[in-house]
Amino acid sequence: MENVSLKLEPQFLKEIENIMKKNRYMTKTEFIREAIRDKLIELEKQNMLKHLDKIAGSSKHKTTDEDLHRARERLVKKYEERFK
């Protein structure tokens, strides 16, 4: 594992410590790691949605309700596999 050093404003650090206590985080490292993981997942979801918008927006043929239903089912499976 690699070390990363952070400098935080006192007020921001105090906020983090208050949230840590309320949510029973044992260390700042644990809290920050989870926050970074959550952010990475959120950004990946946003990128997937942007990609989906590009794909959906490029269609030149009429899409039926059945086509949309199948597409949603495939997307749900992909999300489940990727994000569990």
Protein backbone atom coordinates (compact mmCIF):
# COMPACT_ATOMS: atom_id res chain seq x y z
CA MET A 1 0.00 0.00 0.00
CA GLU A 2 1.20 3.50 -0.75
CA ASN A 3 1.01 6.43 1.68
CA VAL A 4 -0.73 9.66 0.73
CA SER A 5 -0.51 12.78 2.83
CA LEU A 6 -3.38 15.28 3.15
CA LYS A 7 -3.63 18.72 4.64
CA LEU A 8 -7.12 19.69 5.81
CA GLU A 9 -8.53 22.90 7.21
CA PRO A 10 -9.32 22.64 10.94
CA GLN A 11 -13.07 23.18 10.45
CA PHE A 12 -13.23 20.52 7.73
CA LEU A 13 -11.32 18.08 9.94
CA LYS A 14 -13.71 18.80 12.81
CA GLU A 15 -16.68 18.01 10.53
CA ILE A 16 -15.07 14.73 9.50
CA GLU A 17 -14.43 13.78 13.11
CA ASN A 18 -18.06 14.53 14.07
CA ILE A 19 -19.36 12.38 11.20
CA MET A 20 -16.89 9.63 12.11
CA LYS A 21 -18.23 9.51 15.68
CA LYS A 22 -21.86 9.42 14.55
CA ASN A 23 -21.16 6.62 12.05
CA ARG A 24 -18.70 4.67 14.21
CA TYR A 25 -15.61 4.94 12.05
CA MET A 26 -12.54 3.94 14.04
CA THR A 27 -9.93 5.91 12.07
CA LYS A 28 -9.73 8.82 9.67
CA THR A 29 -8.02 6.52 7.19
CA GLU A 30 -10.98 4.14 7.20
CA PHE A 31 -13.37 7.07 6.67
CA ILE A 32 -11.32 8.64 3.87
CA ARG A 33 -10.83 5.31 2.05
CA GLU A 34 -14.54 4.66 2.06
CA ALA A 35 -15.29 8.21 0.89
CA ILE A 36 -12.85 7.78 -2.01
CA ARG A 37 -14.36 4.39 -2.95
CA ASP A 38 -17.85 5.89 -2.92
CA LYS A 39 -16.70 8.78 -5.10
CA LEU A 40 -15.04 6.42 -7.61
CA ILE A 41 -18.23 4.36 -7.86
CA GLU A 42 -20.33 7.51 -8.31
CA LEU A 43 -18.05 8.79 -11.09
CA GLU A 44 -18.09 5.41 -12.83
CA LYS A 45 -21.91 5.38 -12.74
CA GLN A 46 -21.98 8.90 -14.19
CA ASN A 47 -19.62 7.85 -16.98
CA MET A 48 -21.76 4.80 -17.75
CA LEU A 49 -24.89 6.97 -17.90
CA LYS A 50 -23.16 9.44 -20.25
CA HIS A 51 -22.10 6.53 -22.45
CA LEU A 52 -25.64 5.17 -22.40
CA ASP A 53 -27.02 8.60 -23.37
CA LYS A 54 -24.67 8.67 -26.35
CA ILE A 55 -25.75 5.21 -27.43
CA ALA A 56 -29.46 5.84 -26.88
CA GLY A 57 -29.31 9.22 -28.59
CA SER A 58 -27.66 7.86 -31.72
CA SER A 59 -30.47 5.50 -32.70
CA LYS A 60 -32.18 6.27 -36.02
CA HIS A 61 -34.82 3.55 -35.86
CA LYS A 62 -38.03 3.43 -33.89
CA THR A 63 -37.57 1.80 -30.49
CA THR A 64 -40.42 -0.32 -29.17
CA ASP A 65 -41.40 -0.72 -25.54
CA GLU A 66 -40.13 -4.30 -25.72
CA ASP A 67 -36.73 -3.05 -26.95
CA LEU A 68 -36.56 -0.58 -24.06
CA HIS A 69 -37.53 -3.29 -21.58
CA ARG A 70 -34.79 -5.62 -22.83
CA ALA A 71 -32.25 -2.80 -22.76
CA ARG A 72 -33.19 -1.95 -19.16
CA GLU A 73 -32.83 -5.60 -18.15
CA ARG A 74 -29.35 -5.79 -19.71
CA LEU A 75 -28.34 -2.53 -18.02
CA VAL A 76 -29.56 -3.75 -14.61
CA LYS A 77 -27.54 -6.96 -15.03
CA LYS A 78 -24.44 -4.96 -15.94
CA TYR A 79 -24.88 -2.69 -12.91
CA GLU A 80 -25.44 -5.67 -10.62
CA GLU A 81 -22.31 -7.39 -11.88
CA ARG A 82 -20.19 -4.26 -11.67
CA PHE A 83 -21.41 -2.64 -8.45
CA LYS A 84 -23.08 -5.51 -6.56
